[in-house]
Amino acid sequence: MKLGKLLTVIAVCAAWSSFGIVHANEYMTAEQVKSLFTNKTFNIHNIAKDKHLQGYDTEEGKHLVFIPWKDKISKRKWWVEDNKHCTSHPKRGDSCKDMKDMGDGSYQGFTDGKHTHTLSNFREGKHFDM
């Protein structure tokens, strides 16, 4: 009986994996990254600078960042490269991050293995809190 239950749990886990479900703390695939960001507004927490911003990524590759302390929207680009979410920056150049689904509606971005950003509150369309 115990063996039957164990085999059922293993079969269910294997089925979930085959459907491309992301498990917490695993890096996301290119398709998962595209699906997460395309036409979505999200909150950004820059860990190093402890700054809170909002982002919006269009289907056409525009990456808009609302900077609340400047009451300004910075226009940039975004794309997916090697399973990473990449963005341009007017002063710092391009940056690509591996993304991890934390399983609680938040996602962590890692640059060169270091946690640099936490993203959360993903919602359809452009909705900046201005």
N, C-alpha and C. Protein backbone atom coordinates (compact mmCIF):
# COMPACT_ATOMS: atom_id res chain seq x y z
N MET A 1 0.82 -1.20 0.00
CA MET A 1 0.00 0.00 0.00
C MET A 1 0.86 1.26 0.00
N LYS A 2 1.89 1.29 0.86
CA LYS A 2 2.77 2.45 0.92
C LYS A 2 3.51 2.63 -0.40
N LEU A 3 3.91 1.53 -1.01
CA LEU A 3 4.61 1.60 -2.29
C LEU A 3 3.71 2.20 -3.36
N GLY A 4 2.43 1.85 -3.34
CA GLY A 4 1.47 2.41 -4.31
C GLY A 4 1.32 3.91 -4.16
N LYS A 5 1.26 4.39 -2.92
CA LYS A 5 1.15 5.84 -2.69
C LYS A 5 2.41 6.56 -3.13
N LEU A 6 3.56 5.96 -2.85
CA LEU A 6 4.83 6.55 -3.25
C LEU A 6 4.92 6.65 -4.77
N LEU A 7 4.51 5.59 -5.45
CA LEU A 7 4.54 5.61 -6.92
C LEU A 7 3.57 6.65 -7.48
N THR A 8 2.44 6.84 -6.84
CA THR A 8 1.47 7.86 -7.27
C THR A 8 2.08 9.26 -7.13
N VAL A 9 2.74 9.53 -6.00
CA VAL A 9 3.38 10.84 -5.79
C VAL A 9 4.46 11.06 -6.84
N ILE A 10 5.27 10.06 -7.11
CA ILE A 10 6.33 10.18 -8.12
C ILE A 10 5.72 10.45 -9.50
N ALA A 11 4.65 9.76 -9.83
CA ALA A 11 4.00 9.95 -11.14
C ALA A 11 3.43 11.36 -11.27
N VAL A 12 2.81 11.87 -10.22
CA VAL A 12 2.24 13.22 -10.26
C VAL A 12 3.36 14.25 -10.42
N CYS A 13 4.45 14.10 -9.68
CA CYS A 13 5.58 15.04 -9.80
C CYS A 13 6.17 15.01 -11.20
N ALA A 14 6.29 13.83 -11.77
CA ALA A 14 6.82 13.71 -13.14
C ALA A 14 5.89 14.38 -14.13
N ALA A 15 4.57 14.21 -13.94
CA ALA A 15 3.61 14.85 -14.84
C ALA A 15 3.70 16.36 -14.75
N TRP A 16 3.81 16.91 -13.55
CA TRP A 16 3.93 18.36 -13.39
C TRP A 16 5.18 18.86 -14.10
N SER A 17 6.27 18.15 -13.97
CA SER A 17 7.51 18.56 -14.63
C SER A 17 7.36 18.56 -16.14
N SER A 18 6.63 17.58 -16.66
CA SER A 18 6.48 17.51 -18.11
C SER A 18 5.62 18.63 -18.66
N PHE A 19 4.78 19.25 -17.83
CA PHE A 19 3.96 20.37 -18.26
C PHE A 19 4.69 21.70 -18.14
N GLY A 20 5.94 21.69 -17.70
CA GLY A 20 6.73 22.92 -17.63
C GLY A 20 6.44 23.77 -16.41
N ILE A 21 5.87 23.19 -15.39
CA ILE A 21 5.60 23.95 -14.17
C ILE A 21 6.92 24.25 -13.49
N VAL A 22 7.10 25.49 -13.08
CA VAL A 22 8.32 25.90 -12.41
C VAL A 22 8.20 25.57 -10.93
N HIS A 23 9.21 24.94 -10.42
CA HIS A 23 9.26 24.67 -8.99
C HIS A 23 10.06 25.77 -8.32
N ALA A 24 9.67 26.13 -7.12
CA ALA A 24 10.35 27.22 -6.40
C ALA A 24 11.85 26.99 -6.39
N ASN A 25 12.56 28.08 -6.58
CA ASN A 25 14.02 28.11 -6.54
C ASN A 25 14.72 27.48 -7.75
N GLU A 26 14.00 27.22 -8.82
CA GLU A 26 14.63 26.75 -10.06
C GLU A 26 14.67 27.91 -11.04
N TYR A 27 15.74 27.99 -11.84
CA TYR A 27 15.80 29.03 -12.86
C TYR A 27 14.73 28.77 -13.91
N MET A 28 14.14 29.83 -14.40
CA MET A 28 13.06 29.75 -15.39
C MET A 28 13.64 29.55 -16.78
N THR A 29 12.82 28.96 -17.68
CA THR A 29 13.20 28.79 -19.07
C THR A 29 12.88 30.07 -19.84
N ALA A 30 13.36 30.15 -21.07
CA ALA A 30 13.10 31.32 -21.92
C ALA A 30 11.60 31.52 -22.12
N GLU A 31 10.85 30.46 -22.38
CA GLU A 31 9.41 30.58 -22.59
C GLU A 31 8.70 31.06 -21.33
N GLN A 32 9.13 30.58 -20.18
CA GLN A 32 8.52 31.01 -18.92
C GLN A 32 8.82 32.48 -18.65
N VAL A 33 10.04 32.92 -18.97
CA VAL A 33 10.41 34.32 -18.78
C VAL A 33 9.58 35.20 -19.71
N LYS A 34 9.47 34.81 -20.98
CA LYS A 34 8.65 35.58 -21.94
C LYS A 34 7.21 35.70 -21.47
N SER A 35 6.66 34.59 -21.02
CA SER A 35 5.27 34.59 -20.57
C SER A 35 5.07 35.45 -19.32
N LEU A 36 6.02 35.40 -18.41
CA LEU A 36 5.92 36.18 -17.17
C LEU A 36 5.93 37.68 -17.44
N PHE A 37 6.83 38.14 -18.32
CA PHE A 37 7.05 39.58 -18.50
C PHE A 37 6.21 40.24 -19.59
N THR A 38 5.84 39.53 -20.63
CA THR A 38 5.19 40.15 -21.78
C THR A 38 3.86 40.79 -21.42
N ASN A 39 3.77 42.09 -21.70
CA ASN A 39 2.57 42.90 -21.46
C ASN A 39 2.17 42.91 -19.98
N LYS A 40 3.17 42.94 -19.10
CA LYS A 40 2.90 42.93 -17.66
C LYS A 40 3.56 44.12 -16.97
N THR A 41 2.88 44.64 -15.97
CA THR A 41 3.44 45.62 -15.04
C THR A 41 3.84 44.85 -13.79
N PHE A 42 4.95 45.25 -13.16
CA PHE A 42 5.44 44.53 -11.99
C PHE A 42 6.23 45.49 -11.10
N ASN A 43 6.32 45.14 -9.84
CA ASN A 43 7.10 45.90 -8.87
C ASN A 43 8.54 45.40 -8.89
N ILE A 44 9.47 46.33 -8.77
CA ILE A 44 10.90 46.02 -8.79
C ILE A 44 11.52 46.49 -7.47
N HIS A 45 12.27 45.61 -6.84
CA HIS A 45 13.07 46.01 -5.68
C HIS A 45 14.53 45.76 -6.04
N ASN A 46 15.27 46.85 -6.22
CA ASN A 46 16.71 46.77 -6.48
C ASN A 46 17.36 46.55 -5.12
N ILE A 47 17.94 45.38 -4.92
CA ILE A 47 18.47 44.98 -3.61
C ILE A 47 19.64 45.86 -3.19
N ALA A 48 20.63 46.04 -4.05
CA ALA A 48 21.85 46.78 -3.68
C ALA A 48 21.56 48.22 -3.29
N LYS A 49 20.64 48.86 -4.01
CA LYS A 49 20.34 50.27 -3.75
C LYS A 49 19.11 50.45 -2.86
N ASP A 50 18.44 49.35 -2.53
CA ASP A 50 17.21 49.36 -1.76
C ASP A 50 16.22 50.38 -2.33
N LYS A 51 16.05 50.31 -3.66
CA LYS A 51 15.12 51.21 -4.35
C LYS A 51 13.93 50.41 -4.86
N HIS A 52 12.76 51.04 -4.83
CA HIS A 52 11.53 50.41 -5.29
C HIS A 52 11.02 51.16 -6.52
N LEU A 53 10.83 50.41 -7.59
CA LEU A 53 10.40 50.97 -8.87
C LEU A 53 9.26 50.11 -9.40
N GLN A 54 8.74 50.50 -10.56
CA GLN A 54 7.78 49.68 -11.28
C GLN A 54 8.25 49.53 -12.71
N GLY A 55 8.02 48.35 -13.27
CA GLY A 55 8.40 48.09 -14.65
C GLY A 55 7.22 47.63 -15.47
N TYR A 56 7.35 47.79 -16.78
CA TYR A 56 6.35 47.30 -17.72
C TYR A 56 7.09 46.86 -18.98
N ASP A 57 6.85 45.62 -19.42
CA ASP A 57 7.50 45.09 -20.62
C ASP A 57 6.46 44.84 -21.70
N THR A 58 6.66 45.47 -22.87
CA THR A 58 5.72 45.29 -23.98
C THR A 58 6.09 44.06 -24.80
N GLU A 59 5.16 43.63 -25.60
CA GLU A 59 5.39 42.51 -26.51
C GLU A 59 6.44 42.87 -27.56
N GLU A 60 6.56 44.16 -27.88
CA GLU A 60 7.49 44.63 -28.91
C GLU A 60 8.91 44.85 -28.37
N GLY A 61 9.15 44.60 -27.09
CA GLY A 61 10.50 44.74 -26.54
C GLY A 61 10.79 46.04 -25.82
N LYS A 62 9.77 46.85 -25.56
CA LYS A 62 10.01 48.08 -24.79
C LYS A 62 9.95 47.73 -23.30
N HIS A 63 10.88 48.28 -22.54
CA HIS A 63 10.95 48.09 -21.09
C HIS A 63 10.85 49.48 -20.47
N LEU A 64 9.72 49.75 -19.83
CA LEU A 64 9.50 51.06 -19.21
C LEU A 64 9.68 50.91 -17.71
N VAL A 65 10.41 51.84 -17.12
CA VAL A 65 10.63 51.82 -15.68
C VAL A 65 10.14 53.14 -15.10
N PHE A 66 9.18 53.05 -14.18
CA PHE A 66 8.69 54.24 -13.48
C PHE A 66 9.56 54.47 -12.26
N ILE A 67 10.17 55.66 -12.20
CA ILE A 67 11.05 56.05 -11.11
C ILE A 67 10.27 57.06 -10.26
N PRO A 68 9.69 56.61 -9.14
CA PRO A 68 8.78 57.48 -8.39
C PRO A 68 9.42 58.74 -7.81
N TRP A 69 10.66 58.68 -7.35
CA TRP A 69 11.27 59.86 -6.74
C TRP A 69 11.60 60.93 -7.78
N LYS A 70 11.59 60.57 -9.06
CA LYS A 70 11.78 61.54 -10.14
C LYS A 70 10.47 61.82 -10.86
N ASP A 71 9.42 61.06 -10.52
CA ASP A 71 8.14 61.12 -11.21
C ASP A 71 8.35 61.05 -12.73
N LYS A 72 9.14 60.04 -13.13
CA LYS A 72 9.59 59.93 -14.52
C LYS A 72 9.54 58.47 -14.97
N ILE A 73 9.28 58.28 -16.27
CA ILE A 73 9.35 56.96 -16.87
C ILE A 73 10.58 56.90 -17.77
N SER A 74 11.45 55.94 -17.48
CA SER A 74 12.66 55.73 -18.28
C SER A 74 12.34 54.68 -19.34
N LYS A 75 12.64 54.99 -20.60
CA LYS A 75 12.36 54.09 -21.71
C LYS A 75 13.60 53.29 -22.06
N ARG A 76 13.45 51.96 -22.04
CA ARG A 76 14.56 51.05 -22.29
C ARG A 76 14.09 49.92 -23.19
N LYS A 77 14.90 48.87 -23.34
CA LYS A 77 14.53 47.69 -24.13
C LYS A 77 14.64 46.46 -23.25
N TRP A 78 13.89 45.41 -23.63
CA TRP A 78 14.02 44.13 -22.96
C TRP A 78 13.97 43.01 -23.98
N TRP A 79 14.59 41.88 -23.64
CA TRP A 79 14.61 40.69 -24.49
C TRP A 79 15.01 39.50 -23.62
N VAL A 80 14.88 38.31 -24.20
CA VAL A 80 15.29 37.09 -23.51
C VAL A 80 16.48 36.51 -24.27
N GLU A 81 17.53 36.18 -23.53
CA GLU A 81 18.75 35.62 -24.12
C GLU A 81 19.26 34.52 -23.20
N ASP A 82 19.41 33.31 -23.74
CA ASP A 82 19.90 32.17 -22.94
C ASP A 82 19.09 31.99 -21.66
N ASN A 83 17.77 32.03 -21.76
CA ASN A 83 16.84 31.87 -20.63
C ASN A 83 16.85 33.04 -19.66
N LYS A 84 17.54 34.11 -19.96
CA LYS A 84 17.67 35.25 -19.04
C LYS A 84 16.82 36.42 -19.49
N HIS A 85 16.30 37.17 -18.51
CA HIS A 85 15.58 38.41 -18.77
C HIS A 85 16.62 39.52 -18.88
N CYS A 86 16.72 40.14 -20.04
CA CYS A 86 17.74 41.15 -20.30
C CYS A 86 17.08 42.52 -20.49
N THR A 87 17.76 43.55 -19.99
CA THR A 87 17.28 44.91 -20.15
C THR A 87 18.45 45.83 -20.48
N SER A 88 18.12 46.92 -21.16
CA SER A 88 19.13 47.94 -21.43
C SER A 88 19.04 48.99 -20.32
N HIS A 89 20.12 49.72 -20.14
CA HIS A 89 20.14 50.83 -19.19
C HIS A 89 20.89 51.97 -19.85
N PRO A 90 20.36 53.19 -19.80
CA PRO A 90 21.00 54.31 -20.52
C PRO A 90 22.43 54.61 -20.06
N LYS A 91 22.76 54.33 -18.80
CA LYS A 91 24.10 54.64 -18.30
C LYS A 91 24.94 53.39 -18.04
N ARG A 92 24.30 52.28 -17.65
CA ARG A 92 25.04 51.08 -17.25
C ARG A 92 25.11 50.01 -18.33
N GLY A 93 24.48 50.22 -19.46
CA GLY A 93 24.51 49.23 -20.54
C GLY A 93 23.52 48.09 -20.31
N ASP A 94 23.76 46.97 -20.99
CA ASP A 94 22.84 45.84 -20.93
C ASP A 94 23.11 44.98 -19.69
N SER A 95 22.04 44.39 -19.19
CA SER A 95 22.14 43.50 -18.03
C SER A 95 21.18 42.34 -18.22
N CYS A 96 21.65 41.12 -17.96
CA CYS A 96 20.82 39.93 -18.09
C CYS A 96 20.78 39.20 -16.75
N LYS A 97 19.57 38.72 -16.40
CA LYS A 97 19.38 38.06 -15.12
C LYS A 97 18.72 36.70 -15.29
N ASP A 98 19.24 35.70 -14.58
CA ASP A 98 18.53 34.44 -14.42
C ASP A 98 17.38 34.72 -13.47
N MET A 99 16.23 34.15 -13.76
CA MET A 99 15.04 34.39 -12.93
C MET A 99 14.65 33.11 -12.20
N LYS A 100 14.32 33.27 -10.91
CA LYS A 100 13.83 32.16 -10.11
C LYS A 100 12.44 32.49 -9.59
N ASP A 101 11.53 31.53 -9.75
CA ASP A 101 10.18 31.64 -9.19
C ASP A 101 10.28 31.21 -7.73
N MET A 102 9.96 32.10 -6.82
CA MET A 102 10.08 31.80 -5.40
C MET A 102 8.85 31.07 -4.86
N GLY A 103 7.83 30.89 -5.71
CA GLY A 103 6.66 30.11 -5.32
C GLY A 103 5.62 30.88 -4.53
N ASP A 104 5.86 32.16 -4.27
CA ASP A 104 4.92 32.96 -3.48
C ASP A 104 4.45 34.19 -4.25
N GLY A 105 4.61 34.15 -5.59
CA GLY A 105 4.23 35.31 -6.41
C GLY A 105 5.36 36.29 -6.63
N SER A 106 6.52 35.99 -6.04
CA SER A 106 7.69 36.85 -6.26
C SER A 106 8.74 36.07 -7.05
N TYR A 107 9.61 36.84 -7.71
CA TYR A 107 10.64 36.27 -8.56
C TYR A 107 11.94 36.98 -8.24
N GLN A 108 13.01 36.22 -8.14
CA GLN A 108 14.31 36.82 -7.86
C GLN A 108 15.16 36.80 -9.12
N GLY A 109 15.85 37.94 -9.38
CA GLY A 109 16.75 38.06 -10.50
C GLY A 109 18.19 37.91 -10.01
N PHE A 110 18.98 37.11 -10.73
CA PHE A 110 20.37 36.85 -10.36
C PHE A 110 21.28 37.25 -11.51
N THR A 111 22.23 38.11 -11.23
CA THR A 111 23.25 38.51 -12.20
C THR A 111 24.57 37.92 -11.73
N ASP A 112 25.17 37.10 -12.59
CA ASP A 112 26.43 36.42 -12.25
C ASP A 112 26.31 35.68 -10.91
N GLY A 113 25.16 35.05 -10.68
CA GLY A 113 24.94 34.25 -9.48
C GLY A 113 24.57 35.03 -8.23
N LYS A 114 24.50 36.36 -8.33
CA LYS A 114 24.18 37.19 -7.17
C LYS A 114 22.75 37.73 -7.28
N HIS A 115 21.99 37.60 -6.19
CA HIS A 115 20.62 38.10 -6.15
C HIS A 115 20.66 39.62 -6.18
N THR A 116 20.12 40.21 -7.26
CA THR A 116 20.18 41.66 -7.43
C THR A 116 18.81 42.34 -7.38
N HIS A 117 17.76 41.63 -7.76
CA HIS A 117 16.43 42.22 -7.83
C HIS A 117 15.37 41.21 -7.36
N THR A 118 14.33 41.73 -6.75
CA THR A 118 13.14 40.93 -6.48
C THR A 118 11.98 41.60 -7.19
N LEU A 119 11.24 40.83 -7.96
CA LEU A 119 10.11 41.32 -8.74
C LEU A 119 8.83 40.67 -8.21
N SER A 120 7.75 41.46 -8.15
CA SER A 120 6.50 40.93 -7.61
C SER A 120 5.31 41.69 -8.18
N ASN A 121 4.12 41.25 -7.80
CA ASN A 121 2.87 41.91 -8.16
C ASN A 121 2.71 42.05 -9.68
N PHE A 122 2.92 40.96 -10.41
CA PHE A 122 2.76 40.98 -11.86
C PHE A 122 1.28 41.08 -12.20
N ARG A 123 0.95 41.98 -13.15
CA ARG A 123 -0.43 42.17 -13.56
C ARG A 123 -0.46 42.54 -15.05
N GLU A 124 -1.53 42.14 -15.71
CA GLU A 124 -1.70 42.39 -17.15
C GLU A 124 -1.78 43.88 -17.44
N GLY A 125 -1.13 44.32 -18.51
CA GLY A 125 -1.24 45.70 -18.99
C GLY A 125 -0.33 46.66 -18.25
N LYS A 126 -0.43 47.91 -18.66
CA LYS A 126 0.41 48.98 -18.09
C LYS A 126 -0.38 49.70 -16.99
N HIS A 127 0.14 49.60 -15.76
CA HIS A 127 -0.56 50.16 -14.61
C HIS A 127 0.44 50.77 -13.62
N PHE A 128 1.04 51.88 -13.95
CA PHE A 128 1.98 52.51 -13.02
C PHE A 128 1.21 53.29 -11.98
N ASP A 129 1.70 53.24 -10.73
CA ASP A 129 1.10 54.01 -9.65
C ASP A 129 1.74 55.39 -9.63
N MET A 130 1.24 56.29 -10.47
CA MET A 130 1.82 57.62 -10.59
C MET A 130 1.02 58.60 -9.78
